[in-house]
Structure formats: structure tokens, C-alpha cells
Amino acid sequence: MKLQVKLLAFLVVFTLFSCKDNATSKIKKENLEIAKQRDYKMTEGASIISFSKTEYDFGTINEGDKVETTFDFKNTGKSALIITNASSTCGCTIPEYPKEPIPVGGTGSITVKFNSAGKPNQQNKVVTLTTNTASGKETVVIKANVTPKQKAS
């Protein structure tokens, strides 16, 4: 028991006094500049996804309706656009995206299907695309005002 107490005390003292140095003082300015230039060059040649719209409002729909919309886009960047994943904030929203690279100047579309069953009232769903654009992520949004089903009396 005494050994455990001594070991614990040693660890506490070691932890308190071993981290005296300021971590920012260890950063070399020349390495920081190299990293900035590297990051700039990476974004300079990146693909750019230009959507015709990034938001779509279905308006008022009835609970249980299944609706869909398409988000058309063009690759206006300097390299092929690659979408590696598309995910939504809810299982009721299913995105479909092109799996093949989109060449510079090429076009494509993302289809988003929304099932309003069990989703009454105002709905806002975000679809996040994982891409090789400078930010690495792009989003589109769908909205709907879902009229609730009438309860059986």
C-alpha cells in the first residue's frame, strides 16, 4: 500500500513539473512558412464543385410522402472532382452521388430522396459530401414543411 501511495505521489509531482516549456516557442518560423506555401499550392490546383443550387425547399408535403430533388453541379476547378462519400443528418434522407471522378469542366448531379414518414412539421436536412475540394467537405440542404397525419379517433 505504501508503495502505491509513493508511486502515485511521484506521478503527480512528475506531471506537474515536467511540462514547463511553452509548446509554441518550439515552432520554427521557417517550417510554418513552408507549411503555408504547401497548403496554398494544394488549394490552388484543387477541384471546385459549383452547384446550380445548394438548397431546395419541397414546400408543404404530407407526412408519409416520399420526395426527391437533384442538385446539379459542375467541376470548375483545376483537377478531377472526386466524391468519396455522401451522408445525411437522418436515415430518412438518402443521397445518391456519382462514384466516378468528374473531369475538369464536367458535370454531375446528387439526387436526394426524403421520406417524410414519422417526420411531422418543419424539416431541414443537411447532406454532407466528402470531396477532394480545398475544404474537403461540401453541403446541400433540403427543407420541407410536413403536414402531420390525422390521428385516428
C-alpha atoms as a PDB file:
ATOM      1  CA  MET A   1       0.000   0.000   0.000  1.00  0.00           C
ATOM      2  CA  LYS A   2       2.844   2.403   0.884  1.00  0.00           C
ATOM      3  CA  LEU A   3       4.495   1.628  -2.437  1.00  0.00           C
ATOM      4  CA  GLN A   4       1.315   2.522  -4.318  1.00  0.00           C
ATOM      5  CA  VAL A   5       0.972   5.832  -2.453  1.00  0.00           C
ATOM      6  CA  LYS A   6       4.618   6.705  -3.158  1.00  0.00           C
ATOM      7  CA  LEU A   7       4.207   5.801  -6.819  1.00  0.00           C
ATOM      8  CA  LEU A   8       1.071   7.925  -7.104  1.00  0.00           C
ATOM      9  CA  ALA A   9       2.790  10.875  -5.405  1.00  0.00           C
ATOM     10  CA  PHE A  10       5.758  10.548  -7.776  1.00  0.00           C
ATOM     11  CA  LEU A  11       3.452  10.555 -10.823  1.00  0.00           C
ATOM     12  CA  VAL A  12       1.615  13.662  -9.603  1.00  0.00           C
ATOM     13  CA  VAL A  13       4.852  15.564  -8.944  1.00  0.00           C
ATOM     14  CA  PHE A  14       6.357  14.413 -12.259  1.00  0.00           C
ATOM     15  CA  THR A  15       3.265  15.524 -14.170  1.00  0.00           C
ATOM     16  CA  LEU A  16       3.167  18.947 -12.523  1.00  0.00           C
ATOM     17  CA  PHE A  17       6.801  19.800 -13.150  1.00  0.00           C
ATOM     18  CA  SER A  18       7.631  18.041 -16.433  1.00  0.00           C
ATOM     19  CA  CYS A  19       5.628  20.330 -18.754  1.00  0.00           C
ATOM     20  CA  LYS A  20       7.252  23.699 -18.069  1.00  0.00           C
ATOM     21  CA  ASP A  21       8.130  24.567 -21.681  1.00  0.00           C
ATOM     22  CA  ASN A  22       5.831  26.642 -23.824  1.00  0.00           C
ATOM     23  CA  ALA A  23       4.958  24.497 -26.849  1.00  0.00           C
ATOM     24  CA  THR A  24       4.596  27.497 -29.187  1.00  0.00           C
ATOM     25  CA  SER A  25       8.199  28.502 -28.535  1.00  0.00           C
ATOM     26  CA  LYS A  26       9.310  25.263 -30.194  1.00  0.00           C
ATOM     27  CA  ILE A  27       7.715  26.085 -33.576  1.00  0.00           C
ATOM     28  CA  LYS A  28      10.261  27.066 -36.197  1.00  0.00           C
ATOM     29  CA  LYS A  29       9.081  30.019 -38.301  1.00  0.00           C
ATOM     30  CA  GLU A  30      10.655  28.621 -41.476  1.00  0.00           C
ATOM     31  CA  ASN A  31       8.669  25.365 -41.076  1.00  0.00           C
ATOM     32  CA  LEU A  32       5.477  27.355 -40.609  1.00  0.00           C
ATOM     33  CA  GLU A  33       6.129  29.275 -43.827  1.00  0.00           C
ATOM     34  CA  ILE A  34       6.851  26.043 -45.728  1.00  0.00           C
ATOM     35  CA  ALA A  35       3.555  24.577 -44.488  1.00  0.00           C
ATOM     36  CA  LYS A  36       1.636  27.705 -45.565  1.00  0.00           C
ATOM     37  CA  GLN A  37       3.120  27.544 -49.061  1.00  0.00           C
ATOM     38  CA  ARG A  38       2.373  23.815 -49.324  1.00  0.00           C
ATOM     39  CA  ASP A  39      -1.252  24.340 -48.260  1.00  0.00           C
ATOM     40  CA  TYR A  40      -1.662  27.201 -50.748  1.00  0.00           C
ATOM     41  CA  LYS A  41      -0.321  25.062 -53.617  1.00  0.00           C
ATOM     42  CA  MET A  42      -2.672  22.237 -52.671  1.00  0.00           C
ATOM     43  CA  THR A  43      -5.738  24.504 -52.810  1.00  0.00           C
ATOM     44  CA  GLU A  44      -4.525  26.267 -55.954  1.00  0.00           C
ATOM     45  CA  GLY A  45      -4.883  23.081 -58.029  1.00  0.00           C
ATOM     46  CA  ALA A  46      -7.895  21.651 -56.202  1.00  0.00           C
ATOM     47  CA  SER A  47     -11.185  20.729 -57.758  1.00  0.00           C
ATOM     48  CA  ILE A  48     -14.100  23.103 -57.229  1.00  0.00           C
ATOM     49  CA  ILE A  49     -17.705  21.951 -57.116  1.00  0.00           C
ATOM     50  CA  SER A  50     -20.087  24.651 -58.365  1.00  0.00           C
ATOM     51  CA  PHE A  51     -23.734  23.848 -57.648  1.00  0.00           C
ATOM     52  CA  SER A  52     -26.652  25.329 -59.589  1.00  0.00           C
ATOM     53  CA  LYS A  53     -28.387  25.395 -56.159  1.00  0.00           C
ATOM     54  CA  THR A  54     -27.290  24.307 -52.686  1.00  0.00           C
ATOM     55  CA  GLU A  55     -30.719  24.357 -51.058  1.00  0.00           C
ATOM     56  CA  TYR A  56     -34.115  23.018 -52.078  1.00  0.00           C
ATOM     57  CA  ASP A  57     -37.463  23.574 -50.347  1.00  0.00           C
ATOM     58  CA  PHE A  58     -40.161  20.986 -51.090  1.00  0.00           C
ATOM     59  CA  GLY A  59     -42.732  23.338 -49.600  1.00  0.00           C
ATOM     60  CA  THR A  60     -45.659  21.724 -47.788  1.00  0.00           C
ATOM     61  CA  ILE A  61     -45.946  17.952 -48.135  1.00  0.00           C
ATOM     62  CA  ASN A  62     -47.997  15.324 -46.305  1.00  0.00           C
ATOM     63  CA  GLU A  63     -46.434  13.069 -43.677  1.00  0.00           C
ATOM     64  CA  GLY A  64     -45.546   9.806 -45.391  1.00  0.00           C
ATOM     65  CA  ASP A  65     -44.794  11.404 -48.776  1.00  0.00           C
ATOM     66  CA  LYS A  66     -41.561  10.361 -50.458  1.00  0.00           C
ATOM     67  CA  VAL A  67     -39.999  13.180 -52.452  1.00  0.00           C
ATOM     68  CA  GLU A  68     -36.711  13.755 -54.217  1.00  0.00           C
ATOM     69  CA  THR A  69     -34.691  16.515 -55.820  1.00  0.00           C
ATOM     70  CA  THR A  70     -31.488  16.772 -57.806  1.00  0.00           C
ATOM     71  CA  PHE A  71     -28.566  19.097 -57.183  1.00  0.00           C
ATOM     72  CA  ASP A  72     -26.686  19.635 -60.452  1.00  0.00           C
ATOM     73  CA  PHE A  73     -23.042  20.705 -60.336  1.00  0.00           C
ATOM     74  CA  LYS A  74     -20.009  21.426 -62.486  1.00  0.00           C
ATOM     75  CA  ASN A  75     -16.335  20.885 -61.702  1.00  0.00           C
ATOM     76  CA  THR A  76     -14.878  24.366 -62.202  1.00  0.00           C
ATOM     77  CA  GLY A  77     -11.551  23.527 -60.560  1.00  0.00           C
ATOM     78  CA  LYS A  78      -8.173  22.523 -61.959  1.00  0.00           C
ATOM     79  CA  SER A  79      -8.278  18.785 -61.241  1.00  0.00           C
ATOM     80  CA  ALA A  80     -10.779  15.927 -61.409  1.00  0.00           C
ATOM     81  CA  LEU A  81     -13.501  16.106 -58.760  1.00  0.00           C
ATOM     82  CA  ILE A  82     -13.794  13.011 -56.594  1.00  0.00           C
ATOM     83  CA  ILE A  83     -16.724  12.499 -54.219  1.00  0.00           C
ATOM     84  CA  THR A  84     -15.855   9.713 -51.807  1.00  0.00           C
ATOM     85  CA  ASN A  85     -18.958   9.803 -49.622  1.00  0.00           C
ATOM     86  CA  ALA A  86     -22.340  11.467 -49.138  1.00  0.00           C
ATOM     87  CA  SER A  87     -24.131  11.294 -45.804  1.00  0.00           C
ATOM     88  CA  SER A  88     -27.178  12.925 -44.293  1.00  0.00           C
ATOM     89  CA  THR A  89     -28.218  14.005 -40.835  1.00  0.00           C
ATOM     90  CA  CYS A  90     -31.014  11.422 -40.780  1.00  0.00           C
ATOM     91  CA  GLY A  91     -31.816   7.969 -42.155  1.00  0.00           C
ATOM     92  CA  CYS A  92     -34.910   9.460 -43.784  1.00  0.00           C
ATOM     93  CA  THR A  93     -32.680  11.330 -46.248  1.00  0.00           C
ATOM     94  CA  ILE A  94     -30.821   9.235 -48.820  1.00  0.00           C
ATOM     95  CA  PRO A  95     -28.241  10.862 -51.117  1.00  0.00           C
ATOM     96  CA  GLU A  96     -27.010   9.268 -54.350  1.00  0.00           C
ATOM     97  CA  TYR A  97     -23.794  10.608 -55.867  1.00  0.00           C
ATOM     98  CA  PRO A  98     -21.505   9.801 -58.799  1.00  0.00           C
ATOM     99  CA  LYS A  99     -18.791   7.309 -57.882  1.00  0.00           C
ATOM    100  CA  GLU A 100     -16.522   8.084 -60.840  1.00  0.00           C
ATOM    101  CA  PRO A 101     -14.242  11.161 -60.989  1.00  0.00           C
ATOM    102  CA  ILE A 102     -15.755  14.224 -62.663  1.00  0.00           C
ATOM    103  CA  PRO A 103     -13.209  15.755 -65.079  1.00  0.00           C
ATOM    104  CA  VAL A 104     -12.431  19.475 -65.163  1.00  0.00           C
ATOM    105  CA  GLY A 105     -15.409  21.148 -66.847  1.00  0.00           C
ATOM    106  CA  GLY A 106     -17.509  18.008 -66.376  1.00  0.00           C
ATOM    107  CA  THR A 107     -20.943  17.921 -64.776  1.00  0.00           C
ATOM    108  CA  GLY A 108     -22.802  15.624 -62.442  1.00  0.00           C
ATOM    109  CA  SER A 109     -25.693  15.504 -60.023  1.00  0.00           C
ATOM    110  CA  ILE A 110     -26.556  14.481 -56.495  1.00  0.00           C
ATOM    111  CA  THR A 111     -30.040  13.024 -56.025  1.00  0.00           C
ATOM    112  CA  VAL A 112     -31.524  13.382 -52.548  1.00  0.00           C
ATOM    113  CA  LYS A 113     -34.568  11.339 -51.530  1.00  0.00           C
ATOM    114  CA  PHE A 114     -36.570  12.267 -48.440  1.00  0.00           C
ATOM    115  CA  ASN A 115     -39.118  10.000 -46.720  1.00  0.00           C
ATOM    116  CA  SER A 116     -41.358  12.134 -44.506  1.00  0.00           C
ATOM    117  CA  ALA A 117     -42.906   9.198 -42.586  1.00  0.00           C
ATOM    118  CA  GLY A 118     -42.671   9.993 -38.876  1.00  0.00           C
ATOM    119  CA  LYS A 119     -41.227  13.453 -39.591  1.00  0.00           C
ATOM    120  CA  PRO A 120     -44.019  15.982 -38.996  1.00  0.00           C
ATOM    121  CA  ASN A 121     -43.603  19.783 -39.035  1.00  0.00           C
ATOM    122  CA  GLN A 122     -40.657  21.776 -40.382  1.00  0.00           C
ATOM    123  CA  GLN A 123     -37.738  19.631 -41.558  1.00  0.00           C
ATOM    124  CA  ASN A 124     -34.228  20.755 -42.532  1.00  0.00           C
ATOM    125  CA  LYS A 125     -31.822  18.029 -43.628  1.00  0.00           C
ATOM    126  CA  VAL A 126     -28.160  18.539 -44.484  1.00  0.00           C
ATOM    127  CA  VAL A 127     -26.306  16.269 -46.891  1.00  0.00           C
ATOM    128  CA  THR A 128     -22.520  16.382 -46.482  1.00  0.00           C
ATOM    129  CA  LEU A 129     -20.278  15.385 -49.368  1.00  0.00           C
ATOM    130  CA  THR A 130     -16.712  14.263 -48.701  1.00  0.00           C
ATOM    131  CA  THR A 131     -14.673  15.530 -51.652  1.00  0.00           C
ATOM    132  CA  ASN A 132     -11.206  16.434 -52.839  1.00  0.00           C
ATOM    133  CA  THR A 133     -12.072  20.149 -52.895  1.00  0.00           C
ATOM    134  CA  ALA A 134      -9.971  22.587 -50.872  1.00  0.00           C
ATOM    135  CA  SER A 135     -12.309  22.352 -47.865  1.00  0.00           C
ATOM    136  CA  GLY A 136     -12.760  18.575 -48.180  1.00  0.00           C
ATOM    137  CA  LYS A 137     -16.475  18.850 -47.409  1.00  0.00           C
ATOM    138  CA  GLU A 138     -19.400  20.399 -49.267  1.00  0.00           C
ATOM    139  CA  THR A 139     -23.044  20.550 -48.199  1.00  0.00           C
ATOM    140  CA  VAL A 140     -26.507  20.793 -49.704  1.00  0.00           C
ATOM    141  CA  VAL A 141     -29.745  21.274 -47.762  1.00  0.00           C
ATOM    142  CA  ILE A 142     -33.332  20.142 -48.251  1.00  0.00           C
ATOM    143  CA  LYS A 143     -36.333  21.577 -46.436  1.00  0.00           C
ATOM    144  CA  ALA A 144     -39.979  20.651 -46.134  1.00  0.00           C
ATOM    145  CA  ASN A 145     -42.974  21.605 -44.048  1.00  0.00           C
ATOM    146  CA  VAL A 146     -44.573  18.212 -43.321  1.00  0.00           C
ATOM    147  CA  THR A 147     -48.275  18.240 -42.526  1.00  0.00           C
ATOM    148  CA  PRO A 148     -48.826  15.663 -39.748  1.00  0.00           C
ATOM    149  CA  LYS A 149     -51.151  12.728 -40.348  1.00  0.00           C
ATOM    150  CA  GLN A 150     -54.560  12.968 -38.710  1.00  0.00           C
ATOM    151  CA  LYS A 151     -54.764  10.768 -35.605  1.00  0.00           C
ATOM    152  CA  ALA A 152     -57.426   8.051 -35.778  1.00  0.00           C
ATOM    153  CA  SER A 153     -60.268   8.772 -33.360  1.00  0.00           C
END
